Amino acid sequence: FNIVSFVRMLAVIYTIETINNSSFLPGVRLGYHICDTCCHASKAIQSAEHLLEFNNTGPGQCELKQNPKVKTIIGARYSEVSISVARLLSLYLVPQ
């Protein structure tokens, strides 16, 4: 268990909830799905694959919607993990 990573995660959640509960972005609602990589590239890749298929909106599917959902993946703390995920995401033209 890494307390620093946990506190950073709580800060991200707090920031997103604060933005959602304010008039900062009217008409926009932010969501989040947080995955812990446990500092392992294989776990990070597995989590990224899951996020790409989350809600059946994988990178190969395209739907025009009034309010589209936008996915973003924030890189891991360690370059080894982030580079592995970035290589996977680049196959689907998803920036990290």
PDB file of N, CA and C in Angstrom:
ATOM      1  N   PHE A   1       0.844  -1.183   0.000  1.00  0.00           N
ATOM      2  CA  PHE A   1       0.000   0.000   0.000  1.00  0.00           C
ATOM      3  C   PHE A   1       0.882   1.236   0.000  1.00  0.00           C
ATOM      4  N   ASN A   2       0.610   2.134  -0.930  1.00  0.00           N
ATOM      5  CA  ASN A   2       1.394   3.358  -1.041  1.00  0.00           C
ATOM      6  C   ASN A   2       0.503   4.536  -0.676  1.00  0.00           C
ATOM      7  N   ILE A   3       0.751   5.141   0.466  1.00  0.00           N
ATOM      8  CA  ILE A   3      -0.089   6.227   0.971  1.00  0.00           C
ATOM      9  C   ILE A   3      -0.045   7.450   0.057  1.00  0.00           C
ATOM     10  N   VAL A   4       1.113   7.735  -0.537  1.00  0.00           N
ATOM     11  CA  VAL A   4       1.234   8.903  -1.420  1.00  0.00           C
ATOM     12  C   VAL A   4       0.324   8.737  -2.639  1.00  0.00           C
ATOM     13  N   SER A   5       0.333   7.569  -3.246  1.00  0.00           N
ATOM     14  CA  SER A   5      -0.538   7.314  -4.401  1.00  0.00           C
ATOM     15  C   SER A   5      -2.007   7.393  -4.007  1.00  0.00           C
ATOM     16  N   PHE A   6      -2.328   6.896  -2.833  1.00  0.00           N
ATOM     17  CA  PHE A   6      -3.705   6.938  -2.346  1.00  0.00           C
ATOM     18  C   PHE A   6      -4.178   8.375  -2.150  1.00  0.00           C
ATOM     19  N   VAL A   7      -3.328   9.207  -1.562  1.00  0.00           N
ATOM     20  CA  VAL A   7      -3.679  10.615  -1.344  1.00  0.00           C
ATOM     21  C   VAL A   7      -3.841  11.334  -2.681  1.00  0.00           C
ATOM     22  N   ARG A   8      -2.990  11.031  -3.645  1.00  0.00           N
ATOM     23  CA  ARG A   8      -3.124  11.637  -4.979  1.00  0.00           C
ATOM     24  C   ARG A   8      -4.444  11.240  -5.628  1.00  0.00           C
ATOM     25  N   MET A   9      -4.827   9.988  -5.473  1.00  0.00           N
ATOM     26  CA  MET A   9      -6.097   9.528  -6.015  1.00  0.00           C
ATOM     27  C   MET A   9      -7.260  10.274  -5.365  1.00  0.00           C
ATOM     28  N   LEU A  10      -7.201  10.445  -4.057  1.00  0.00           N
ATOM     29  CA  LEU A  10      -8.245  11.192  -3.357  1.00  0.00           C
ATOM     30  C   LEU A  10      -8.306  12.637  -3.835  1.00  0.00           C
ATOM     31  N   ALA A  11      -7.147  13.222  -4.130  1.00  0.00           N
ATOM     32  CA  ALA A  11      -7.110  14.600  -4.637  1.00  0.00           C
ATOM     33  C   ALA A  11      -7.784  14.694  -6.002  1.00  0.00           C
ATOM     34  N   VAL A  12      -7.566  13.700  -6.852  1.00  0.00           N
ATOM     35  CA  VAL A  12      -8.209  13.682  -8.171  1.00  0.00           C
ATOM     36  C   VAL A  12      -9.723  13.577  -8.013  1.00  0.00           C
ATOM     37  N   ILE A  13     -10.173  12.672  -7.160  1.00  0.00           N
ATOM     38  CA  ILE A  13     -11.612  12.500  -6.933  1.00  0.00           C
ATOM     39  C   ILE A  13     -12.219  13.783  -6.380  1.00  0.00           C
ATOM     40  N   TYR A  14     -11.571  14.380  -5.401  1.00  0.00           N
ATOM     41  CA  TYR A  14     -12.063  15.624  -4.805  1.00  0.00           C
ATOM     42  C   TYR A  14     -12.171  16.729  -5.858  1.00  0.00           C
ATOM     43  N   THR A  15     -11.155  16.853  -6.702  1.00  0.00           N
ATOM     44  CA  THR A  15     -11.157  17.892  -7.734  1.00  0.00           C
ATOM     45  C   THR A  15     -12.290  17.684  -8.727  1.00  0.00           C
ATOM     46  N   ILE A  16     -12.484  16.457  -9.168  1.00  0.00           N
ATOM     47  CA  ILE A  16     -13.565  16.162 -10.116  1.00  0.00           C
ATOM     48  C   ILE A  16     -14.918  16.454  -9.488  1.00  0.00           C
ATOM     49  N   GLU A  17     -15.124  16.022  -8.255  1.00  0.00           N
ATOM     50  CA  GLU A  17     -16.398  16.270  -7.578  1.00  0.00           C
ATOM     51  C   GLU A  17     -16.624  17.760  -7.346  1.00  0.00           C
ATOM     52  N   THR A  18     -15.576  18.495  -7.024  1.00  0.00           N
ATOM     53  CA  THR A  18     -15.693  19.943  -6.830  1.00  0.00           C
ATOM     54  C   THR A  18     -16.099  20.623  -8.131  1.00  0.00           C
ATOM     55  N   ILE A  19     -15.488  20.227  -9.234  1.00  0.00           N
ATOM     56  CA  ILE A  19     -15.845  20.792 -10.541  1.00  0.00           C
ATOM     57  C   ILE A  19     -17.294  20.460 -10.883  1.00  0.00           C
ATOM     58  N   ASN A  20     -17.707  19.225 -10.638  1.00  0.00           N
ATOM     59  CA  ASN A  20     -19.082  18.819 -10.954  1.00  0.00           C
ATOM     60  C   ASN A  20     -20.111  19.572 -10.124  1.00  0.00           C
ATOM     61  N   ASN A  21     -19.769  19.939  -8.901  1.00  0.00           N
ATOM     62  CA  ASN A  21     -20.702  20.613  -8.002  1.00  0.00           C
ATOM     63  C   ASN A  21     -20.598  22.129  -8.063  1.00  0.00           C
ATOM     64  N   SER A  22     -19.946  22.654  -9.080  1.00  0.00           N
ATOM     65  CA  SER A  22     -19.806  24.102  -9.218  1.00  0.00           C
ATOM     66  C   SER A  22     -20.348  24.535 -10.578  1.00  0.00           C
ATOM     67  N   SER A  23     -20.288  25.810 -10.823  1.00  0.00           N
ATOM     68  CA  SER A  23     -20.725  26.336 -12.124  1.00  0.00           C
ATOM     69  C   SER A  23     -19.534  26.531 -13.057  1.00  0.00           C
ATOM     70  N   PHE A  24     -18.420  25.902 -12.737  1.00  0.00           N
ATOM     71  CA  PHE A  24     -17.197  26.056 -13.517  1.00  0.00           C
ATOM     72  C   PHE A  24     -17.362  25.564 -14.952  1.00  0.00           C
ATOM     73  N   LEU A  25     -18.009  24.416 -15.124  1.00  0.00           N
ATOM     74  CA  LEU A  25     -18.260  23.854 -16.458  1.00  0.00           C
ATOM     75  C   LEU A  25     -19.755  23.573 -16.606  1.00  0.00           C
ATOM     76  N   PRO A  26     -20.549  24.602 -16.862  1.00  0.00           N
ATOM     77  CA  PRO A  26     -21.995  24.384 -16.964  1.00  0.00           C
ATOM     78  C   PRO A  26     -22.342  23.436 -18.109  1.00  0.00           C
ATOM     79  N   GLY A  27     -23.220  22.479 -17.811  1.00  0.00           N
ATOM     80  CA  GLY A  27     -23.643  21.525 -18.828  1.00  0.00           C
ATOM     81  C   GLY A  27     -22.690  20.371 -19.055  1.00  0.00           C
ATOM     82  N   VAL A  28     -21.578  20.347 -18.329  1.00  0.00           N
ATOM     83  CA  VAL A  28     -20.584  19.278 -18.480  1.00  0.00           C
ATOM     84  C   VAL A  28     -20.477  18.539 -17.155  1.00  0.00           C
ATOM     85  N   ARG A  29     -20.516  17.225 -17.223  1.00  0.00           N
ATOM     86  CA  ARG A  29     -20.361  16.401 -16.022  1.00  0.00           C
ATOM     87  C   ARG A  29     -19.165  15.490 -16.237  1.00  0.00           C
ATOM     88  N   LEU A  30     -18.210  15.555 -15.317  1.00  0.00           N
ATOM     89  CA  LEU A  30     -17.015  14.718 -15.390  1.00  0.00           C
ATOM     90  C   LEU A  30     -17.230  13.446 -14.583  1.00  0.00           C
ATOM     91  N   GLY A  31     -16.703  12.365 -15.078  1.00  0.00           N
ATOM     92  CA  GLY A  31     -16.740  11.104 -14.358  1.00  0.00           C
ATOM     93  C   GLY A  31     -15.334  10.554 -14.243  1.00  0.00           C
ATOM     94  N   TYR A  32     -15.187   9.427 -13.593  1.00  0.00           N
ATOM     95  CA  TYR A  32     -13.864   8.833 -13.453  1.00  0.00           C
ATOM     96  C   TYR A  32     -13.988   7.345 -13.176  1.00  0.00           C
ATOM     97  N   HIS A  33     -12.995   6.651 -13.582  1.00  0.00           N
ATOM     98  CA  HIS A  33     -12.844   5.219 -13.308  1.00  0.00           C
ATOM     99  C   HIS A  33     -11.358   5.040 -13.039  1.00  0.00           C
ATOM    100  N   ILE A  34     -11.001   4.795 -11.811  1.00  0.00           N
ATOM    101  CA  ILE A  34      -9.594   4.764 -11.415  1.00  0.00           C
ATOM    102  C   ILE A  34      -9.135   3.315 -11.274  1.00  0.00           C
ATOM    103  N   CYS A  35      -8.013   3.005 -11.897  1.00  0.00           N
ATOM    104  CA  CYS A  35      -7.421   1.668 -11.827  1.00  0.00           C
ATOM    105  C   CYS A  35      -6.012   1.787 -11.261  1.00  0.00           C
ATOM    106  N   ASP A  36      -5.688   0.938 -10.321  1.00  0.00           N
ATOM    107  CA  ASP A  36      -4.346   0.916  -9.742  1.00  0.00           C
ATOM    108  C   ASP A  36      -3.487  -0.056 -10.538  1.00  0.00           C
ATOM    109  N   THR A  37      -2.378   0.433 -11.054  1.00  0.00           N
ATOM    110  CA  THR A  37      -1.488  -0.424 -11.840  1.00  0.00           C
ATOM    111  C   THR A  37      -0.584  -1.279 -10.963  1.00  0.00           C
ATOM    112  N   CYS A  38      -0.504  -0.965  -9.694  1.00  0.00           N
ATOM    113  CA  CYS A  38       0.393  -1.673  -8.771  1.00  0.00           C
ATOM    114  C   CYS A  38       1.836  -1.648  -9.278  1.00  0.00           C
ATOM    115  N   CYS A  39       2.175  -0.629 -10.050  1.00  0.00           N
ATOM    116  CA  CYS A  39       3.524  -0.435 -10.608  1.00  0.00           C
ATOM    117  C   CYS A  39       3.939  -1.551 -11.566  1.00  0.00           C
ATOM    118  N   HIS A  40       2.968  -2.243 -12.156  1.00  0.00           N
ATOM    119  CA  HIS A  40       3.260  -3.326 -13.094  1.00  0.00           C
ATOM    120  C   HIS A  40       2.685  -2.991 -14.463  1.00  0.00           C
ATOM    121  N   ALA A  41       3.504  -3.096 -15.496  1.00  0.00           N
ATOM    122  CA  ALA A  41       3.064  -2.790 -16.857  1.00  0.00           C
ATOM    123  C   ALA A  41       1.936  -3.715 -17.294  1.00  0.00           C
ATOM    124  N   SER A  42       1.999  -4.990 -16.934  1.00  0.00           N
ATOM    125  CA  SER A  42       0.958  -5.935 -17.357  1.00  0.00           C
ATOM    126  C   SER A  42      -0.397  -5.567 -16.761  1.00  0.00           C
ATOM    127  N   LYS A  43      -0.414  -5.142 -15.514  1.00  0.00           N
ATOM    128  CA  LYS A  43      -1.660  -4.712 -14.868  1.00  0.00           C
ATOM    129  C   LYS A  43      -2.182  -3.434 -15.518  1.00  0.00           C
ATOM    130  N   ALA A  44      -1.287  -2.525 -15.866  1.00  0.00           N
ATOM    131  CA  ALA A  44      -1.681  -1.272 -16.515  1.00  0.00           C
ATOM    132  C   ALA A  44      -2.292  -1.535 -17.886  1.00  0.00           C
ATOM    133  N   ILE A  45      -1.699  -2.444 -18.645  1.00  0.00           N
ATOM    134  CA  ILE A  45      -2.225  -2.780 -19.971  1.00  0.00           C
ATOM    135  C   ILE A  45      -3.599  -3.424 -19.846  1.00  0.00           C
ATOM    136  N   GLN A  46      -3.750  -4.306 -18.881  1.00  0.00           N
ATOM    137  CA  GLN A  46      -5.042  -4.949 -18.649  1.00  0.00           C
ATOM    138  C   GLN A  46      -6.104  -3.901 -18.301  1.00  0.00           C
ATOM    139  N   SER A  47      -5.764  -2.949 -17.451  1.00  0.00           N
ATOM    140  CA  SER A  47      -6.703  -1.896 -17.070  1.00  0.00           C
ATOM    141  C   SER A  47      -7.037  -0.996 -18.254  1.00  0.00           C
ATOM    142  N   ALA A  48      -6.047  -0.672 -19.070  1.00  0.00           N
ATOM    143  CA  ALA A  48      -6.282   0.167 -20.251  1.00  0.00           C
ATOM    144  C   ALA A  48      -7.204  -0.546 -21.238  1.00  0.00           C
ATOM    145  N   GLU A  49      -6.999  -1.843 -21.430  1.00  0.00           N
ATOM    146  CA  GLU A  49      -7.878  -2.610 -22.317  1.00  0.00           C
ATOM    147  C   GLU A  49      -9.309  -2.581 -21.803  1.00  0.00           C
ATOM    148  N   HIS A  50      -9.458  -2.706 -20.494  1.00  0.00           N
ATOM    149  CA  HIS A  50     -10.795  -2.646 -19.890  1.00  0.00           C
ATOM    150  C   HIS A  50     -11.437  -1.279 -20.126  1.00  0.00           C
ATOM    151  N   LEU A  51     -10.669  -0.221 -19.958  1.00  0.00           N
ATOM    152  CA  LEU A  51     -11.210   1.123 -20.163  1.00  0.00           C
ATOM    153  C   LEU A  51     -11.585   1.366 -21.620  1.00  0.00           C
ATOM    154  N   LEU A  52     -10.840   0.797 -22.541  1.00  0.00           N
ATOM    155  CA  LEU A  52     -11.165   0.958 -23.956  1.00  0.00           C
ATOM    156  C   LEU A  52     -12.498   0.305 -24.304  1.00  0.00           C
ATOM    157  N   GLU A  53     -12.856  -0.748 -23.598  1.00  0.00           N
ATOM    158  CA  GLU A  53     -14.111  -1.450 -23.859  1.00  0.00           C
ATOM    159  C   GLU A  53     -15.220  -1.059 -22.897  1.00  0.00           C
ATOM    160  N   PHE A  54     -14.966  -0.167 -21.971  1.00  0.00           N
ATOM    161  CA  PHE A  54     -15.940   0.246 -20.960  1.00  0.00           C
ATOM    162  C   PHE A  54     -17.200   0.781 -21.636  1.00  0.00           C
ATOM    163  N   ASN A  55     -18.366   0.294 -21.236  1.00  0.00           N
ATOM    164  CA  ASN A  55     -19.666   0.690 -21.796  1.00  0.00           C
ATOM    165  C   ASN A  55     -19.801   0.352 -23.278  1.00  0.00           C
ATOM    166  N   ASN A  56     -19.090  -0.658 -23.737  1.00  0.00           N
ATOM    167  CA  ASN A  56     -19.161  -1.083 -25.145  1.00  0.00           C
ATOM    168  C   ASN A  56     -18.887   0.058 -26.114  1.00  0.00           C
ATOM    169  N   THR A  57     -17.957   0.903 -25.773  1.00  0.00           N
ATOM    170  CA  THR A  57     -17.590   2.005 -26.668  1.00  0.00           C
ATOM    171  C   THR A  57     -16.108   1.910 -26.954  1.00  0.00           C
ATOM    172  N   GLY A  58     -15.713   0.785 -27.470  1.00  0.00           N
ATOM    173  CA  GLY A  58     -14.305   0.567 -27.776  1.00  0.00           C
ATOM    174  C   GLY A  58     -13.843   1.459 -28.905  1.00  0.00           C
ATOM    175  N   PRO A  59     -12.561   1.483 -29.152  1.00  0.00           N
ATOM    176  CA  PRO A  59     -11.997   2.379 -30.151  1.00  0.00           C
ATOM    177  C   PRO A  59     -12.454   2.088 -31.573  1.00  0.00           C
ATOM    178  N   GLY A  60     -12.913   0.872 -31.841  1.00  0.00           N
ATOM    179  CA  GLY A  60     -13.341   0.533 -33.185  1.00  0.00           C
ATOM    180  C   GLY A  60     -14.787   0.907 -33.468  1.00  0.00           C
ATOM    181  N   GLN A  61     -15.493   1.397 -32.454  1.00  0.00           N
ATOM    182  CA  GLN A  61     -16.898   1.718 -32.616  1.00  0.00           C
ATOM    183  C   GLN A  61     -17.078   3.227 -32.670  1.00  0.00           C
ATOM    184  N   CYS A  62     -18.033   3.662 -33.448  1.00  0.00           N
ATOM    185  CA  CYS A  62     -18.274   5.095 -33.586  1.00  0.00           C
ATOM    186  C   CYS A  62     -19.769   5.343 -33.568  1.00  0.00           C
ATOM    187  N   GLU A  63     -20.212   6.190 -32.673  1.00  0.00           N
ATOM    188  CA  GLU A  63     -21.607   6.577 -32.594  1.00  0.00           C
ATOM    189  C   GLU A  63     -21.670   8.080 -32.466  1.00  0.00           C
ATOM    190  N   LEU A  64     -22.556   8.689 -33.221  1.00  0.00           N
ATOM    191  CA  LEU A  64     -22.765  10.121 -33.067  1.00  0.00           C
ATOM    192  C   LEU A  64     -23.834  10.324 -32.010  1.00  0.00           C
ATOM    193  N   LYS A  65     -23.495  11.067 -30.981  1.00  0.00           N
ATOM    194  CA  LYS A  65     -24.422  11.321 -29.886  1.00  0.00           C
ATOM    195  C   LYS A  65     -24.475  12.813 -29.618  1.00  0.00           C
ATOM    196  N   GLN A  66     -25.576  13.213 -29.008  1.00  0.00           N
ATOM    197  CA  GLN A  66     -25.709  14.605 -28.611  1.00  0.00           C
ATOM    198  C   GLN A  66     -24.660  14.958 -27.558  1.00  0.00           C
ATOM    199  N   ASN A  67     -24.480  14.083 -26.596  1.00  0.00           N
ATOM    200  CA  ASN A  67     -23.517  14.294 -25.512  1.00  0.00           C
ATOM    201  C   ASN A  67     -22.535  13.127 -25.475  1.00  0.00           C
ATOM    202  N   PRO A  68     -21.525  13.137 -26.327  1.00  0.00           N
ATOM    203  CA  PRO A  68     -20.604  11.996 -26.381  1.00  0.00           C
ATOM    204  C   PRO A  68     -19.766  11.879 -25.109  1.00  0.00           C
ATOM    205  N   LYS A  69     -19.417  10.646 -24.778  1.00  0.00           N
ATOM    206  CA  LYS A  69     -18.520  10.403 -23.648  1.00  0.00           C
ATOM    207  C   LYS A  69     -17.094  10.411 -24.170  1.00  0.00           C
ATOM    208  N   VAL A  70     -16.248  11.115 -23.481  1.00  0.00           N
ATOM    209  CA  VAL A  70     -14.845  11.216 -23.868  1.00  0.00           C
ATOM    210  C   VAL A  70     -14.028  10.458 -22.840  1.00  0.00           C
ATOM    211  N   LYS A  71     -13.158   9.594 -23.330  1.00  0.00           N
ATOM    212  CA  LYS A  71     -12.291   8.833 -22.434  1.00  0.00           C
ATOM    213  C   LYS A  71     -10.897   9.419 -22.466  1.00  0.00           C
ATOM    214  N   THR A  72     -10.274   9.442 -21.321  1.00  0.00           N
ATOM    215  CA  THR A  72      -8.877   9.861 -21.251  1.00  0.00           C
ATOM    216  C   THR A  72      -8.158   8.955 -20.264  1.00  0.00           C
ATOM    217  N   ILE A  73      -6.923   8.707 -20.523  1.00  0.00           N
ATOM    218  CA  ILE A  73      -6.115   7.882 -19.627  1.00  0.00           C
ATOM    219  C   ILE A  73      -4.909   8.699 -19.215  1.00  0.00           C
ATOM    220  N   ILE A  74      -4.749   8.844 -17.918  1.00  0.00           N
ATOM    221  CA  ILE A  74      -3.613   9.590 -17.378  1.00  0.00           C
ATOM    222  C   ILE A  74      -2.496   8.596 -17.104  1.00  0.00           C
ATOM    223  N   GLY A  75      -1.304   8.942 -17.504  1.00  0.00           N
ATOM    224  CA  GLY A  75      -0.158   8.050 -17.369  1.00  0.00           C
ATOM    225  C   GLY A  75       0.155   7.678 -15.930  1.00  0.00           C
ATOM    226  N   ALA A  76       0.831   6.572 -15.787  1.00  0.00           N
ATOM    227  CA  ALA A  76       1.234   6.077 -14.476  1.00  0.00           C
ATOM    228  C   ALA A  76       2.415   6.878 -13.933  1.00  0.00           C
ATOM    229  N   ARG A  77       2.747   6.599 -12.714  1.00  0.00           N
ATOM    230  CA  ARG A  77       3.844   7.307 -12.046  1.00  0.00           C
ATOM    231  C   ARG A  77       5.202   6.949 -12.649  1.00  0.00           C
ATOM    232  N   TYR A  78       5.335   5.728 -13.120  1.00  0.00           N
ATOM    233  CA  TYR A  78       6.620   5.258 -13.630  1.00  0.00           C
ATOM    234  C   TYR A  78       6.604   5.178 -15.151  1.00  0.00           C
ATOM    235  N   SER A  79       7.689   5.601 -15.775  1.00  0.00           N
ATOM    236  CA  SER A  79       7.780   5.634 -17.238  1.00  0.00           C
ATOM    237  C   SER A  79       7.602   4.257 -17.858  1.00  0.00           C
ATOM    238  N   GLU A  80       8.165   3.227 -17.241  1.00  0.00           N
ATOM    239  CA  GLU A  80       8.052   1.874 -17.791  1.00  0.00           C
ATOM    240  C   GLU A  80       6.589   1.493 -17.986  1.00  0.00           C
ATOM    241  N   VAL A  81       5.763   1.812 -17.017  1.00  0.00           N
ATOM    242  CA  VAL A  81       4.338   1.486 -17.085  1.00  0.00           C
ATOM    243  C   VAL A  81       3.643   2.373 -18.114  1.00  0.00           C
ATOM    244  N   SER A  82       3.920   3.667 -18.085  1.00  0.00           N
ATOM    245  CA  SER A  82       3.279   4.611 -19.014  1.00  0.00           C
ATOM    246  C   SER A  82       3.628   4.316 -20.464  1.00  0.00           C
ATOM    247  N   ILE A  83       4.860   3.965 -20.734  1.00  0.00           N
ATOM    248  CA  ILE A  83       5.284   3.675 -22.106  1.00  0.00           C
ATOM    249  C   ILE A  83       4.569   2.435 -22.631  1.00  0.00           C
ATOM    250  N   SER A  84       4.419   1.418 -21.807  1.00  0.00           N
ATOM    251  CA  SER A  84       3.713   0.204 -22.228  1.00  0.00           C
ATOM    252  C   SER A  84       2.267   0.516 -22.592  1.00  0.00           C
ATOM    253  N   VAL A  85       1.606   1.304 -21.762  1.00  0.00           N
ATOM    254  CA  VAL A  85       0.213   1.670 -22.029  1.00  0.00           C
ATOM    255  C   VAL A  85       0.132   2.568 -23.261  1.00  0.00           C
ATOM    256  N   ALA A  86       1.062   3.506 -23.392  1.00  0.00           N
ATOM    257  CA  ALA A  86       1.063   4.411 -24.547  1.00  0.00           C
ATOM    258  C   ALA A  86       1.190   3.634 -25.855  1.00  0.00           C
ATOM    259  N   ARG A  87       1.997   2.592 -25.855  1.00  0.00           N
ATOM    260  CA  ARG A  87       2.147   1.770 -27.068  1.00  0.00           C
ATOM    261  C   ARG A  87       0.836   1.076 -27.428  1.00  0.00           C
ATOM    262  N   LEU A  88       0.142   0.562 -26.422  1.00  0.00           N
ATOM    263  CA  LEU A  88      -1.159  -0.063 -26.673  1.00  0.00           C
ATOM    264  C   LEU A  88      -2.152   0.974 -27.196  1.00  0.00           C
ATOM    265  N   LEU A  89      -2.226   2.119 -26.542  1.00  0.00           N
ATOM    266  CA  LEU A  89      -3.190   3.144 -26.927  1.00  0.00           C
ATOM    267  C   LEU A  89      -2.911   3.700 -28.319  1.00  0.00           C
ATOM    268  N   SER A  90      -1.645   3.753 -28.698  1.00  0.00           N
ATOM    269  CA  SER A  90      -1.309   4.289 -30.022  1.00  0.00           C
ATOM    270  C   SER A  90      -1.886   3.422 -31.139  1.00  0.00           C
ATOM    271  N   LEU A  91      -2.085   2.131 -30.879  1.00  0.00           N
ATOM    272  CA  LEU A  91      -2.701   1.251 -31.875  1.00  0.00           C
ATOM    273  C   LEU A  91      -4.121   1.694 -32.202  1.00  0.00           C
ATOM    274  N   TYR A  92      -4.777   2.321 -31.216  1.00  0.00           N
ATOM    275  CA  TYR A  92      -6.155   2.774 -31.374  1.00  0.00           C
ATOM    276  C   TYR A  92      -6.251   4.287 -31.568  1.00  0.00           C
ATOM    277  N   LEU A  93      -5.104   4.928 -31.767  1.00  0.00           N
ATOM    278  CA  LEU A  93      -5.038   6.378 -31.956  1.00  0.00           C
ATOM    279  C   LEU A  93      -5.619   7.140 -30.765  1.00  0.00           C
ATOM    280  N   VAL A  94      -5.363   6.617 -29.562  1.00  0.00           N
ATOM    281  CA  VAL A  94      -5.812   7.265 -28.329  1.00  0.00           C
ATOM    282  C   VAL A  94      -4.594   7.876 -27.658  1.00  0.00           C
ATOM    283  N   PRO A  95      -4.589   9.196 -27.457  1.00  0.00           N
ATOM    284  CA  PRO A  95      -3.437   9.817 -26.787  1.00  0.00           C
ATOM    285  C   PRO A  95      -3.448   9.524 -25.297  1.00  0.00           C
ATOM    286  N   GLN A  96      -2.275   9.597 -24.687  1.00  0.00           N
ATOM    287  CA  GLN A  96      -2.171   9.401 -23.245  1.00  0.00           C
ATOM    288  C   GLN A  96      -1.677  10.682 -22.632  1.00  0.00           C
TER     289      GLN A  96
END
